[in-house]
Amino acid sequence: LQANALAASLEKKQKGFDKIVDEWRRKCEALVQEVESSQRDSRAAATEAMRLRNQLEEASEQIEGVRRENKVLAQELKDINDQLGEGGKSVHELQKIRRRLELEKEELQQALDESEAALEAEESKVLRAQEEEFENTRKNHHRALESIQASLESESRGRAELLRMKKKLENDINVGCRRPICSNTSLSFTRIESKSFHTNLSF
């Protein structure tokens, strides 16, 4: 009986030990899984850390490049500001020159307008004088033509009258005078009248 009781006690203890061992085995397996998970997480974290470190290095290089570029741009901006300062003076001088040139242009335009007005007035004066001279010349020529026409008409009438008188004298000589003495006298008179006629024609 004692042996059975002892065997039962030992079996009970053995089951208790087996239970404890199984429990610790489960705990160990859980710990192993946790360790493996931790190792995986650690490797992932290391990989991520490496990636982040690389990104940080790249960002640092980019930041340094931006700093250098910013420094260059700052210098260029300073140069531009300096040039603008000098350019402002130049612009002021150019504006003064432009105002002076505009004033000179206005003065020249005014002088040109006055010269053109004076020239137009002088041209009008000359044209009026020429027109008056032309009109006077035309009137003088017209009067001279009228005088010449009147002289020609008077001379024509004088010639007609002299021809009529000549024919009358010749008719009187041929018809009214038959004696030699009368004929000689009439012939002499005819010669005198004819000479007088030719003398008048010469005028």
C-alpha atoms as a PDB file:
ATOM      1  CA  LEU A   1       0.000   0.000   0.000  1.00  0.00           C
ATOM      2  CA  GLN A   2       2.766   2.365   0.834  1.00  0.00           C
ATOM      3  CA  ALA A   3       4.358   1.521  -2.477  1.00  0.00           C
ATOM      4  CA  ASN A   4       1.131   2.235  -4.310  1.00  0.00           C
ATOM      5  CA  ALA A   5       0.691   5.438  -2.431  1.00  0.00           C
ATOM      6  CA  LEU A   6       4.257   6.387  -3.137  1.00  0.00           C
ATOM      7  CA  ALA A   7       3.855   5.482  -6.790  1.00  0.00           C
ATOM      8  CA  ALA A   8       0.672   7.479  -6.973  1.00  0.00           C
ATOM      9  CA  SER A   9       2.378  10.391  -5.265  1.00  0.00           C
ATOM     10  CA  LEU A  10       5.310  10.155  -7.606  1.00  0.00           C
ATOM     11  CA  GLU A  11       3.012   9.924 -10.624  1.00  0.00           C
ATOM     12  CA  LYS A  12       1.136  12.928  -9.359  1.00  0.00           C
ATOM     13  CA  LYS A  13       4.350  14.845  -8.904  1.00  0.00           C
ATOM     14  CA  GLN A  14       5.496  13.650 -12.331  1.00  0.00           C
ATOM     15  CA  LYS A  15       2.330  15.028 -13.876  1.00  0.00           C
ATOM     16  CA  GLY A  16       2.870  18.232 -11.982  1.00  0.00           C
ATOM     17  CA  PHE A  17       6.432  18.414 -13.295  1.00  0.00           C
ATOM     18  CA  ASP A  18       5.241  17.575 -16.814  1.00  0.00           C
ATOM     19  CA  LYS A  19       2.668  20.317 -16.511  1.00  0.00           C
ATOM     20  CA  ILE A  20       5.285  22.774 -15.320  1.00  0.00           C
ATOM     21  CA  VAL A  21       7.660  21.666 -18.077  1.00  0.00           C
ATOM     22  CA  ASP A  22       4.946  22.058 -20.729  1.00  0.00           C
ATOM     23  CA  GLU A  23       4.125  25.485 -19.370  1.00  0.00           C
ATOM     24  CA  TRP A  24       7.763  26.536 -19.443  1.00  0.00           C
ATOM     25  CA  ARG A  25       8.113  25.025 -22.908  1.00  0.00           C
ATOM     26  CA  ARG A  26       5.207  27.141 -24.110  1.00  0.00           C
ATOM     27  CA  LYS A  27       6.750  30.157 -22.426  1.00  0.00           C
ATOM     28  CA  CYS A  28      10.101  29.398 -24.053  1.00  0.00           C
ATOM     29  CA  GLU A  29       8.478  28.975 -27.450  1.00  0.00           C
ATOM     30  CA  ALA A  30       6.624  32.243 -26.928  1.00  0.00           C
ATOM     31  CA  LEU A  31       9.880  33.893 -25.889  1.00  0.00           C
ATOM     32  CA  VAL A  32      11.622  32.446 -28.946  1.00  0.00           C
ATOM     33  CA  GLN A  33       8.866  33.803 -31.167  1.00  0.00           C
ATOM     34  CA  GLU A  34       9.123  37.162 -29.457  1.00  0.00           C
ATOM     35  CA  VAL A  35      12.901  37.129 -29.879  1.00  0.00           C
ATOM     36  CA  GLU A  36      12.581  36.184 -33.527  1.00  0.00           C
ATOM     37  CA  SER A  37       9.926  38.867 -34.001  1.00  0.00           C
ATOM     38  CA  SER A  38      12.148  41.326 -32.182  1.00  0.00           C
ATOM     39  CA  GLN A  39      15.065  40.319 -34.379  1.00  0.00           C
ATOM     40  CA  ARG A  40      12.937  40.775 -37.478  1.00  0.00           C
ATOM     41  CA  ASP A  41      11.753  44.113 -36.176  1.00  0.00           C
ATOM     42  CA  SER A  42      15.340  44.979 -35.312  1.00  0.00           C
ATOM     43  CA  ARG A  43      16.526  44.103 -38.813  1.00  0.00           C
ATOM     44  CA  ALA A  44      13.642  46.087 -40.299  1.00  0.00           C
ATOM     45  CA  ALA A  45      14.441  48.944 -37.946  1.00  0.00           C
ATOM     46  CA  ALA A  46      18.104  48.744 -38.921  1.00  0.00           C
ATOM     47  CA  THR A  47      17.141  48.779 -42.605  1.00  0.00           C
ATOM     48  CA  GLU A  48      14.799  51.702 -42.031  1.00  0.00           C
ATOM     49  CA  ALA A  49      17.484  53.434 -39.995  1.00  0.00           C
ATOM     50  CA  MET A  50      19.946  52.924 -42.845  1.00  0.00           C
ATOM     51  CA  ARG A  51      17.424  54.262 -45.329  1.00  0.00           C
ATOM     52  CA  LEU A  52      16.706  57.231 -43.131  1.00  0.00           C
ATOM     53  CA  ARG A  53      20.451  57.771 -42.633  1.00  0.00           C
ATOM     54  CA  ASN A  54      20.961  57.777 -46.408  1.00  0.00           C
ATOM     55  CA  GLN A  55      18.060  60.176 -46.864  1.00  0.00           C
ATOM     56  CA  LEU A  56      19.509  62.357 -44.132  1.00  0.00           C
ATOM     57  CA  GLU A  57      22.881  62.408 -45.875  1.00  0.00           C
ATOM     58  CA  GLU A  58      21.211  63.263 -49.196  1.00  0.00           C
ATOM     59  CA  ALA A  59      19.150  65.962 -47.492  1.00  0.00           C
ATOM     60  CA  SER A  60      22.305  67.322 -45.873  1.00  0.00           C
ATOM     61  CA  GLU A  61      24.020  67.471 -49.251  1.00  0.00           C
ATOM     62  CA  GLN A  62      20.976  69.179 -50.772  1.00  0.00           C
ATOM     63  CA  ILE A  63      20.857  71.627 -47.878  1.00  0.00           C
ATOM     64  CA  GLU A  64      24.525  72.410 -48.368  1.00  0.00           C
ATOM     65  CA  GLY A  65      23.951  72.900 -52.094  1.00  0.00           C
ATOM     66  CA  VAL A  66      21.005  75.173 -51.367  1.00  0.00           C
ATOM     67  CA  ARG A  67      23.147  77.134 -48.917  1.00  0.00           C
ATOM     68  CA  ARG A  68      25.852  77.600 -51.530  1.00  0.00           C
ATOM     69  CA  GLU A  69      23.268  78.594 -54.149  1.00  0.00           C
ATOM     70  CA  ASN A  70      21.625  80.921 -51.653  1.00  0.00           C
ATOM     71  CA  LYS A  71      24.980  82.533 -50.977  1.00  0.00           C
ATOM     72  CA  VAL A  72      25.565  83.023 -54.706  1.00  0.00           C
ATOM     73  CA  LEU A  73      22.061  84.441 -55.135  1.00  0.00           C
ATOM     74  CA  ALA A  74      22.585  86.742 -52.170  1.00  0.00           C
ATOM     75  CA  GLN A  75      25.759  88.090 -53.790  1.00  0.00           C
ATOM     76  CA  GLU A  76      23.976  88.519 -57.114  1.00  0.00           C
ATOM     77  CA  LEU A  77      21.136  90.299 -55.344  1.00  0.00           C
ATOM     78  CA  LYS A  78      23.630  92.595 -53.663  1.00  0.00           C
ATOM     79  CA  ASP A  79      25.269  93.334 -57.016  1.00  0.00           C
ATOM     80  CA  ILE A  80      21.866  94.010 -58.567  1.00  0.00           C
ATOM     81  CA  ASN A  81      20.927  96.339 -55.717  1.00  0.00           C
ATOM     82  CA  ASP A  82      24.221  98.167 -56.146  1.00  0.00           C
ATOM     83  CA  GLN A  83      23.595  98.447 -59.878  1.00  0.00           C
ATOM     84  CA  LEU A  84      20.068  99.648 -59.225  1.00  0.00           C
ATOM     85  CA  GLY A  85      21.456 102.292 -56.923  1.00  0.00           C
ATOM     86  CA  GLU A  86      23.840 103.460 -59.600  1.00  0.00           C
ATOM     87  CA  GLY A  87      21.138 102.978 -62.208  1.00  0.00           C
ATOM     88  CA  GLY A  88      18.826 105.184 -60.202  1.00  0.00           C
ATOM     89  CA  LYS A  89      21.346 107.983 -60.500  1.00  0.00           C
ATOM     90  CA  SER A  90      21.709 107.264 -64.204  1.00  0.00           C
ATOM     91  CA  VAL A  91      17.933 107.263 -64.654  1.00  0.00           C
ATOM     92  CA  HIS A  92      17.718 110.607 -62.867  1.00  0.00           C
ATOM     93  CA  GLU A  93      20.391 112.056 -65.157  1.00  0.00           C
ATOM     94  CA  LEU A  94      18.643 110.585 -68.199  1.00  0.00           C
ATOM     95  CA  GLN A  95      15.355 112.130 -67.107  1.00  0.00           C
ATOM     96  CA  LYS A  96      17.043 115.519 -66.761  1.00  0.00           C
ATOM     97  CA  ILE A  97      18.564 115.152 -70.229  1.00  0.00           C
ATOM     98  CA  ARG A  98      15.204 114.069 -71.649  1.00  0.00           C
ATOM     99  CA  ARG A  99      13.426 117.083 -70.123  1.00  0.00           C
ATOM    100  CA  ARG A 100      16.122 119.380 -71.501  1.00  0.00           C
ATOM    101  CA  LEU A 101      15.847 117.820 -74.958  1.00  0.00           C
ATOM    102  CA  GLU A 102      12.056 118.071 -74.855  1.00  0.00           C
ATOM    103  CA  LEU A 103      12.340 121.759 -73.946  1.00  0.00           C
ATOM    104  CA  GLU A 104      14.791 122.344 -76.787  1.00  0.00           C
ATOM    105  CA  LYS A 105      12.465 120.449 -79.114  1.00  0.00           C
ATOM    106  CA  GLU A 106       9.533 122.660 -78.096  1.00  0.00           C
ATOM    107  CA  GLU A 107      11.637 125.795 -78.626  1.00  0.00           C
ATOM    108  CA  LEU A 108      12.774 124.564 -82.038  1.00  0.00           C
ATOM    109  CA  GLN A 109       9.199 123.671 -82.979  1.00  0.00           C
ATOM    110  CA  GLN A 110       8.025 127.130 -81.922  1.00  0.00           C
ATOM    111  CA  ALA A 111      10.803 128.761 -83.948  1.00  0.00           C
ATOM    112  CA  LEU A 112       9.918 126.543 -86.904  1.00  0.00           C
ATOM    113  CA  ASP A 113       6.244 127.470 -86.639  1.00  0.00           C
ATOM    114  CA  GLU A 114       7.123 131.163 -86.484  1.00  0.00           C
ATOM    115  CA  SER A 115       9.454 130.809 -89.475  1.00  0.00           C
ATOM    116  CA  GLU A 116       6.779 128.979 -91.450  1.00  0.00           C
ATOM    117  CA  ALA A 117       4.208 131.639 -90.575  1.00  0.00           C
ATOM    118  CA  ALA A 118       6.613 134.420 -91.608  1.00  0.00           C
ATOM    119  CA  LEU A 119       7.462 132.558 -94.810  1.00  0.00           C
ATOM    120  CA  GLU A 120       3.797 132.078 -95.640  1.00  0.00           C
ATOM    121  CA  ALA A 121       3.129 135.771 -94.988  1.00  0.00           C
ATOM    122  CA  GLU A 122       6.083 136.763 -97.194  1.00  0.00           C
ATOM    123  CA  GLU A 123       4.956 134.364 -99.917  1.00  0.00           C
ATOM    124  CA  SER A 124       1.450 135.807 -99.769  1.00  0.00           C
ATOM    125  CA  LYS A 125       2.894 139.320 -99.975  1.00  0.00           C
ATOM    126  CA  VAL A 126       5.067 138.397-102.963  1.00  0.00           C
ATOM    127  CA  LEU A 127       2.159 136.641-104.672  1.00  0.00           C
ATOM    128  CA  ARG A 128      -0.077 139.684-104.176  1.00  0.00           C
ATOM    129  CA  ALA A 129       2.646 141.959-105.562  1.00  0.00           C
ATOM    130  CA  GLN A 130       3.146 139.652-108.543  1.00  0.00           C
ATOM    131  CA  GLU A 131      -0.586 139.493-109.155  1.00  0.00           C
ATOM    132  CA  GLU A 132      -0.837 143.288-108.990  1.00  0.00           C
ATOM    133  CA  GLU A 133       2.144 143.663-111.332  1.00  0.00           C
ATOM    134  CA  PHE A 134       0.668 141.111-113.717  1.00  0.00           C
ATOM    135  CA  GLU A 135      -2.683 142.878-113.635  1.00  0.00           C
ATOM    136  CA  ASN A 136      -1.048 146.264-114.275  1.00  0.00           C
ATOM    137  CA  THR A 137       1.013 144.795-117.116  1.00  0.00           C
ATOM    138  CA  ARG A 138      -2.099 143.176-118.575  1.00  0.00           C
ATOM    139  CA  LYS A 139      -3.980 146.472-118.381  1.00  0.00           C
ATOM    140  CA  ASN A 140      -1.060 148.360-119.962  1.00  0.00           C
ATOM    141  CA  HIS A 141      -0.844 145.794-122.755  1.00  0.00           C
ATOM    142  CA  HIS A 142      -4.585 146.018-123.245  1.00  0.00           C
ATOM    143  CA  ARG A 143      -4.437 149.807-123.453  1.00  0.00           C
ATOM    144  CA  ALA A 144      -1.477 149.585-125.838  1.00  0.00           C
ATOM    145  CA  LEU A 145      -3.367 147.103-128.019  1.00  0.00           C
ATOM    146  CA  GLU A 146      -6.415 149.349-127.993  1.00  0.00           C
ATOM    147  CA  SER A 147      -4.222 152.322-128.940  1.00  0.00           C
ATOM    148  CA  ILE A 148      -2.547 150.346-131.738  1.00  0.00           C
ATOM    149  CA  GLN A 149      -5.932 149.131-132.944  1.00  0.00           C
ATOM    150  CA  ALA A 150      -7.262 152.686-132.916  1.00  0.00           C
ATOM    151  CA  SER A 151      -4.168 153.889-134.819  1.00  0.00           C
ATOM    152  CA  LEU A 152      -4.561 151.115-137.375  1.00  0.00           C
ATOM    153  CA  GLU A 153      -8.234 151.902-137.804  1.00  0.00           C
ATOM    154  CA  SER A 154      -7.442 155.636-138.159  1.00  0.00           C
ATOM    155  CA  GLU A 155      -4.694 154.901-140.677  1.00  0.00           C
ATOM    156  CA  SER A 156      -7.020 152.593-142.577  1.00  0.00           C
ATOM    157  CA  ARG A 157      -9.657 155.296-142.732  1.00  0.00           C
ATOM    158  CA  GLY A 158      -6.991 157.842-143.811  1.00  0.00           C
ATOM    159  CA  ARG A 159      -5.810 155.543-146.595  1.00  0.00           C
ATOM    160  CA  ALA A 160      -9.355 154.972-147.764  1.00  0.00           C
ATOM    161  CA  GLU A 161      -9.961 158.715-147.790  1.00  0.00           C
ATOM    162  CA  LEU A 162      -6.734 159.370-149.726  1.00  0.00           C
ATOM    163  CA  LEU A 163      -7.596 156.668-152.267  1.00  0.00           C
ATOM    164  CA  ARG A 164     -11.032 158.178-152.683  1.00  0.00           C
ATOM    165  CA  MET A 165      -9.508 161.644-153.196  1.00  0.00           C
ATOM    166  CA  LYS A 166      -6.959 160.235-155.649  1.00  0.00           C
ATOM    167  CA  LYS A 167      -9.646 158.571-157.711  1.00  0.00           C
ATOM    168  CA  LYS A 168     -11.709 161.753-157.643  1.00  0.00           C
ATOM    169  CA  LEU A 169      -8.738 163.865-158.788  1.00  0.00           C
ATOM    170  CA  GLU A 170      -7.843 161.403-161.503  1.00  0.00           C
ATOM    171  CA  ASN A 171     -11.439 161.398-162.660  1.00  0.00           C
ATOM    172  CA  ASP A 172     -11.550 165.200-162.635  1.00  0.00           C
ATOM    173  CA  ILE A 173      -8.306 165.325-164.611  1.00  0.00           C
ATOM    174  CA  ASN A 174      -9.463 162.823-167.217  1.00  0.00           C
ATOM    175  CA  VAL A 175     -12.946 164.224-167.641  1.00  0.00           C
ATOM    176  CA  GLY A 176     -12.847 167.985-167.038  1.00  0.00           C
ATOM    177  CA  CYS A 177      -9.538 169.128-168.545  1.00  0.00           C
ATOM    178  CA  ARG A 178      -8.690 168.697-172.269  1.00  0.00           C
ATOM    179  CA  ARG A 179      -6.225 171.517-173.075  1.00  0.00           C
ATOM    180  CA  PRO A 180      -2.463 170.969-172.991  1.00  0.00           C
ATOM    181  CA  ILE A 181      -1.872 173.717-170.506  1.00  0.00           C
ATOM    182  CA  CYS A 182      -4.623 172.472-168.343  1.00  0.00           C
ATOM    183  CA  SER A 183      -3.342 168.991-168.777  1.00  0.00           C
ATOM    184  CA  ASN A 184       0.156 170.004-167.742  1.00  0.00           C
ATOM    185  CA  THR A 185      -1.197 171.942-164.813  1.00  0.00           C
ATOM    186  CA  SER A 186      -3.458 169.104-163.826  1.00  0.00           C
ATOM    187  CA  LEU A 187      -0.600 166.641-164.249  1.00  0.00           C
ATOM    188  CA  SER A 188       1.580 168.752-161.979  1.00  0.00           C
ATOM    189  CA  PHE A 189      -1.203 168.949-159.443  1.00  0.00           C
ATOM    190  CA  THR A 190      -1.752 165.221-159.694  1.00  0.00           C
ATOM    191  CA  ARG A 191       1.954 164.629-159.069  1.00  0.00           C
ATOM    192  CA  ILE A 192       1.805 166.915-156.032  1.00  0.00           C
ATOM    193  CA  GLU A 193      -1.280 165.124-154.695  1.00  0.00           C
ATOM    194  CA  SER A 194       0.262 161.737-155.426  1.00  0.00           C
ATOM    195  CA  LYS A 195       3.460 162.731-153.604  1.00  0.00           C
ATOM    196  CA  SER A 196       1.378 163.956-150.690  1.00  0.00           C
ATOM    197  CA  PHE A 197      -0.571 160.670-150.750  1.00  0.00           C
ATOM    198  CA  HIS A 198       2.575 158.563-150.659  1.00  0.00           C
ATOM    199  CA  THR A 199       4.001 160.767-147.933  1.00  0.00           C
ATOM    200  CA  ASN A 200       0.880 160.172-145.803  1.00  0.00           C
ATOM    201  CA  LEU A 201       1.054 156.450-146.505  1.00  0.00           C
ATOM    202  CA  SER A 202       4.636 156.363-145.266  1.00  0.00           C
ATOM    203  CA  PHE A 203       3.403 157.572-141.898  1.00  0.00           C
END
